[in-house]
Amino acid sequence: MARLNLLEETRFEKVPVTVYSDQTAASVAVAKRIADLIRTKNEKGERAVLGLATGATPVKVYAELVRLHKEEGLSFRNVVTFNLDEYYPMHPDSEQSYVKFMKKHLFDHVDIDWANVHIPDGTLAMEDIHAYCLAYEQKISE
C-alpha cells in the first residue's frame, strides 16, 4: 500500500506530443519549426545548429525544407549541421553512405556552406575512431 501512495504522489514529466493526420502534415510542421529557427537565428546574425538524421522518416521534412528554400527563399548560409551517424567502413560516395543520402535529399538543393556540414567520417583507420569521435563531440559542444 505504501508503494501505491508513493506512485500517486510522484509527478512524472509529460513530454509534449502532437498527433498529425498523416506523415506529410507532420513533415510540413517539423520543417516549419526548423525554418522558423533558421530565420530567427538569421535575423539575429547567429547560426542555426541542426542535428540531422537519415532514413525514411526525415525525407519529407528535407523535401519541405528544399521547397521552402526554392520557393520562399529560406537561406541555409548560416546553418551548421551535425549528422547523427554514418556506416563504418563507408566511403562518402558509396550508395549506402549518409553523405550521399544527405546530398541527395537536402544539401545539393540548398545554399548551405559545405564547411558547415558535419557527417561522421566512415573512412577512418580503426585506431583513429576514438579520437575522431571525441573531436566530433567537441565540435557539437562548441
C-alpha atoms as a PDB file:
ATOM      1  CA  MET A   1       0.000   0.000   0.000  1.00  0.00           C
ATOM      2  CA  ALA A   2       2.833   2.419   0.813  1.00  0.00           C
ATOM      3  CA  ARG A   3       4.287   1.879  -2.641  1.00  0.00           C
ATOM      4  CA  LEU A   4       0.988   2.800  -4.289  1.00  0.00           C
ATOM      5  CA  ASN A   5       0.844   6.042  -2.305  1.00  0.00           C
ATOM      6  CA  LEU A   6       4.401   6.898  -3.373  1.00  0.00           C
ATOM      7  CA  LEU A   7       3.468   6.465  -7.016  1.00  0.00           C
ATOM      8  CA  GLU A   8       0.371   8.565  -6.583  1.00  0.00           C
ATOM      9  CA  GLU A   9       2.461  11.415  -5.159  1.00  0.00           C
ATOM     10  CA  THR A  10       5.198  11.219  -7.799  1.00  0.00           C
ATOM     11  CA  ARG A  11       4.863  13.604 -10.726  1.00  0.00           C
ATOM     12  CA  PHE A  12       6.182  12.358 -13.994  1.00  0.00           C
ATOM     13  CA  GLU A  13       7.353  14.771 -16.645  1.00  0.00           C
ATOM     14  CA  LYS A  14       4.963  14.883 -19.546  1.00  0.00           C
ATOM     15  CA  VAL A  15       6.568  15.189 -22.940  1.00  0.00           C
ATOM     16  CA  PRO A  16       4.506  17.343 -25.287  1.00  0.00           C
ATOM     17  CA  VAL A  17       3.131  15.253 -28.118  1.00  0.00           C
ATOM     18  CA  THR A  18       1.350  16.405 -31.238  1.00  0.00           C
ATOM     19  CA  VAL A  19      -0.547  13.931 -33.366  1.00  0.00           C
ATOM     20  CA  TYR A  20      -0.884  14.712 -37.074  1.00  0.00           C
ATOM     21  CA  SER A  21      -3.321  13.337 -39.596  1.00  0.00           C
ATOM     22  CA  ASP A  22      -0.544  11.896 -41.763  1.00  0.00           C
ATOM     23  CA  GLN A  23       3.198  11.877 -42.415  1.00  0.00           C
ATOM     24  CA  THR A  24       3.042  14.787 -44.846  1.00  0.00           C
ATOM     25  CA  ALA A  25       1.291  17.067 -42.361  1.00  0.00           C
ATOM     26  CA  ALA A  26       3.822  16.128 -39.677  1.00  0.00           C
ATOM     27  CA  SER A  27       6.744  16.702 -42.042  1.00  0.00           C
ATOM     28  CA  VAL A  28       5.477  20.133 -43.075  1.00  0.00           C
ATOM     29  CA  ALA A  29       5.017  21.112 -39.419  1.00  0.00           C
ATOM     30  CA  VAL A  30       8.514  19.929 -38.458  1.00  0.00           C
ATOM     31  CA  ALA A  31      10.057  21.693 -41.461  1.00  0.00           C
ATOM     32  CA  LYS A  32       8.219  24.884 -40.485  1.00  0.00           C
ATOM     33  CA  ARG A  33       9.672  24.730 -36.968  1.00  0.00           C
ATOM     34  CA  ILE A  34      13.159  24.243 -38.421  1.00  0.00           C
ATOM     35  CA  ALA A  35      12.624  27.082 -40.907  1.00  0.00           C
ATOM     36  CA  ASP A  36      11.377  29.387 -38.129  1.00  0.00           C
ATOM     37  CA  LEU A  37      14.517  28.612 -36.103  1.00  0.00           C
ATOM     38  CA  ILE A  38      16.759  29.296 -39.115  1.00  0.00           C
ATOM     39  CA  ARG A  39      15.010  32.592 -39.865  1.00  0.00           C
ATOM     40  CA  THR A  40      15.120  33.731 -36.235  1.00  0.00           C
ATOM     41  CA  LYS A  41      18.834  32.943 -35.997  1.00  0.00           C
ATOM     42  CA  ASN A  42      19.498  34.663 -39.353  1.00  0.00           C
ATOM     43  CA  GLU A  43      17.708  37.812 -38.158  1.00  0.00           C
ATOM     44  CA  LYS A  44      19.959  37.881 -35.076  1.00  0.00           C
ATOM     45  CA  GLY A  45      23.101  37.244 -37.137  1.00  0.00           C
ATOM     46  CA  GLU A  46      23.514  33.878 -35.431  1.00  0.00           C
ATOM     47  CA  ARG A  47      23.991  30.389 -36.774  1.00  0.00           C
ATOM     48  CA  ALA A  48      21.291  27.764 -36.511  1.00  0.00           C
ATOM     49  CA  VAL A  49      22.745  24.428 -35.459  1.00  0.00           C
ATOM     50  CA  LEU A  50      20.794  21.364 -36.548  1.00  0.00           C
ATOM     51  CA  GLY A  51      21.190  17.709 -35.642  1.00  0.00           C
ATOM     52  CA  LEU A  52      20.104  15.690 -38.657  1.00  0.00           C
ATOM     53  CA  ALA A  53      19.031  12.107 -39.102  1.00  0.00           C
ATOM     54  CA  THR A  54      18.866   9.861 -42.133  1.00  0.00           C
ATOM     55  CA  GLY A  55      16.445   7.167 -43.161  1.00  0.00           C
ATOM     56  CA  ALA A  56      12.884   7.249 -44.414  1.00  0.00           C
ATOM     57  CA  THR A  57      11.413   9.337 -41.588  1.00  0.00           C
ATOM     58  CA  PRO A  58      13.014  12.737 -42.361  1.00  0.00           C
ATOM     59  CA  VAL A  59      12.869  12.537 -46.185  1.00  0.00           C
ATOM     60  CA  LYS A  60       9.617  14.522 -46.423  1.00  0.00           C
ATOM     61  CA  VAL A  61      10.947  17.058 -43.895  1.00  0.00           C
ATOM     62  CA  TYR A  62      14.006  17.588 -46.084  1.00  0.00           C
ATOM     63  CA  ALA A  63      11.806  17.860 -49.185  1.00  0.00           C
ATOM     64  CA  GLU A  64       9.763  20.588 -47.493  1.00  0.00           C
ATOM     65  CA  LEU A  65      12.931  22.435 -46.434  1.00  0.00           C
ATOM     66  CA  VAL A  66      14.150  22.313 -50.046  1.00  0.00           C
ATOM     67  CA  ARG A  67      10.780  23.667 -51.178  1.00  0.00           C
ATOM     68  CA  LEU A  68      10.982  26.485 -48.631  1.00  0.00           C
ATOM     69  CA  HIS A  69      14.466  27.326 -49.890  1.00  0.00           C
ATOM     70  CA  LYS A  70      13.491  27.338 -53.568  1.00  0.00           C
ATOM     71  CA  GLU A  71      10.036  28.897 -53.315  1.00  0.00           C
ATOM     72  CA  GLU A  72      10.241  31.091 -50.218  1.00  0.00           C
ATOM     73  CA  GLY A  73      13.940  31.989 -50.094  1.00  0.00           C
ATOM     74  CA  LEU A  74      14.835  30.141 -46.894  1.00  0.00           C
ATOM     75  CA  SER A  75      18.606  30.515 -46.680  1.00  0.00           C
ATOM     76  CA  PHE A  76      20.886  27.879 -45.204  1.00  0.00           C
ATOM     77  CA  ARG A  77      24.019  30.081 -45.344  1.00  0.00           C
ATOM     78  CA  ASN A  78      24.115  30.409 -41.549  1.00  0.00           C
ATOM     79  CA  VAL A  79      23.161  26.818 -40.814  1.00  0.00           C
ATOM     80  CA  VAL A  80      25.574  24.341 -39.240  1.00  0.00           C
ATOM     81  CA  THR A  81      24.605  20.681 -39.356  1.00  0.00           C
ATOM     82  CA  PHE A  82      25.719  17.608 -37.484  1.00  0.00           C
ATOM     83  CA  ASN A  83      24.579  14.229 -38.693  1.00  0.00           C
ATOM     84  CA  LEU A  84      23.988  11.612 -36.072  1.00  0.00           C
ATOM     85  CA  ASP A  85      25.842   8.741 -37.678  1.00  0.00           C
ATOM     86  CA  GLU A  86      27.492   7.065 -40.665  1.00  0.00           C
ATOM     87  CA  TYR A  87      28.112   3.454 -41.562  1.00  0.00           C
ATOM     88  CA  TYR A  88      31.618   2.095 -40.997  1.00  0.00           C
ATOM     89  CA  PRO A  89      33.577   1.439 -43.035  1.00  0.00           C
ATOM     90  CA  MET A  90      31.958   3.582 -45.703  1.00  0.00           C
ATOM     91  CA  HIS A  91      33.236   5.798 -48.493  1.00  0.00           C
ATOM     92  CA  PRO A  92      31.167   9.011 -48.822  1.00  0.00           C
ATOM     93  CA  ASP A  93      30.365   8.249 -52.478  1.00  0.00           C
ATOM     94  CA  SER A  94      29.007   4.780 -51.691  1.00  0.00           C
ATOM     95  CA  GLU A  95      25.338   4.250 -52.419  1.00  0.00           C
ATOM     96  CA  GLN A  96      24.577   3.482 -48.746  1.00  0.00           C
ATOM     97  CA  SER A  97      26.568   6.441 -47.365  1.00  0.00           C
ATOM     98  CA  TYR A  98      24.748   9.021 -45.291  1.00  0.00           C
ATOM     99  CA  VAL A  99      26.865  11.683 -47.008  1.00  0.00           C
ATOM    100  CA  LYS A 100      25.337  10.671 -50.323  1.00  0.00           C
ATOM    101  CA  PHE A 101      21.877  10.435 -48.744  1.00  0.00           C
ATOM    102  CA  MET A 102      22.086  13.955 -47.268  1.00  0.00           C
ATOM    103  CA  LYS A 103      23.386  15.438 -50.522  1.00  0.00           C
ATOM    104  CA  LYS A 104      20.565  13.787 -52.457  1.00  0.00           C
ATOM    105  CA  HIS A 105      17.786  14.840 -50.095  1.00  0.00           C
ATOM    106  CA  LEU A 106      18.972  18.222 -48.797  1.00  0.00           C
ATOM    107  CA  PHE A 107      22.471  19.604 -49.224  1.00  0.00           C
ATOM    108  CA  ASP A 108      22.640  19.585 -53.047  1.00  0.00           C
ATOM    109  CA  HIS A 109      19.413  21.617 -53.190  1.00  0.00           C
ATOM    110  CA  VAL A 110      20.061  24.452 -50.722  1.00  0.00           C
ATOM    111  CA  ASP A 111      22.688  27.169 -50.257  1.00  0.00           C
ATOM    112  CA  ILE A 112      24.485  25.602 -47.302  1.00  0.00           C
ATOM    113  CA  ASP A 113      28.231  26.136 -46.961  1.00  0.00           C
ATOM    114  CA  TRP A 114      29.781  22.661 -47.133  1.00  0.00           C
ATOM    115  CA  ALA A 115      32.256  23.759 -44.417  1.00  0.00           C
ATOM    116  CA  ASN A 116      29.243  23.900 -42.062  1.00  0.00           C
ATOM    117  CA  VAL A 117      28.211  20.303 -42.796  1.00  0.00           C
ATOM    118  CA  HIS A 118      29.476  17.688 -40.358  1.00  0.00           C
ATOM    119  CA  ILE A 119      28.931  13.999 -41.003  1.00  0.00           C
ATOM    120  CA  PRO A 120      30.989  11.322 -39.274  1.00  0.00           C
ATOM    121  CA  ASP A 121      33.864  10.048 -41.416  1.00  0.00           C
ATOM    122  CA  GLY A 122      33.385   6.426 -42.425  1.00  0.00           C
ATOM    123  CA  THR A 123      36.866   6.163 -43.965  1.00  0.00           C
ATOM    124  CA  LEU A 124      38.992   6.457 -40.825  1.00  0.00           C
ATOM    125  CA  ALA A 125      41.527   3.893 -39.721  1.00  0.00           C
ATOM    126  CA  MET A 126      40.159   1.858 -36.817  1.00  0.00           C
ATOM    127  CA  GLU A 127      42.754   3.275 -34.408  1.00  0.00           C
ATOM    128  CA  ASP A 128      41.658   6.870 -35.216  1.00  0.00           C
ATOM    129  CA  ILE A 129      37.951   6.428 -34.484  1.00  0.00           C
ATOM    130  CA  HIS A 130      38.025   7.130 -30.735  1.00  0.00           C
ATOM    131  CA  ALA A 131      39.902  10.443 -31.088  1.00  0.00           C
ATOM    132  CA  TYR A 132      37.711  11.422 -34.044  1.00  0.00           C
ATOM    133  CA  CYS A 133      34.531  10.807 -32.030  1.00  0.00           C
ATOM    134  CA  LEU A 134      35.818  12.913 -29.144  1.00  0.00           C
ATOM    135  CA  ALA A 135      36.664  15.751 -31.566  1.00  0.00           C
ATOM    136  CA  TYR A 136      33.225  15.416 -33.217  1.00  0.00           C
ATOM    137  CA  GLU A 137      31.514  15.756 -29.830  1.00  0.00           C
ATOM    138  CA  GLN A 138      33.686  18.794 -29.095  1.00  0.00           C
ATOM    139  CA  LYS A 139      32.567  20.449 -32.353  1.00  0.00           C
ATOM    140  CA  ILE A 140      28.960  19.842 -31.376  1.00  0.00           C
ATOM    141  CA  SER A 141      29.551  21.404 -27.960  1.00  0.00           C
ATOM    142  CA  GLU A 142      31.216  24.454 -29.480  1.00  0.00           C
END
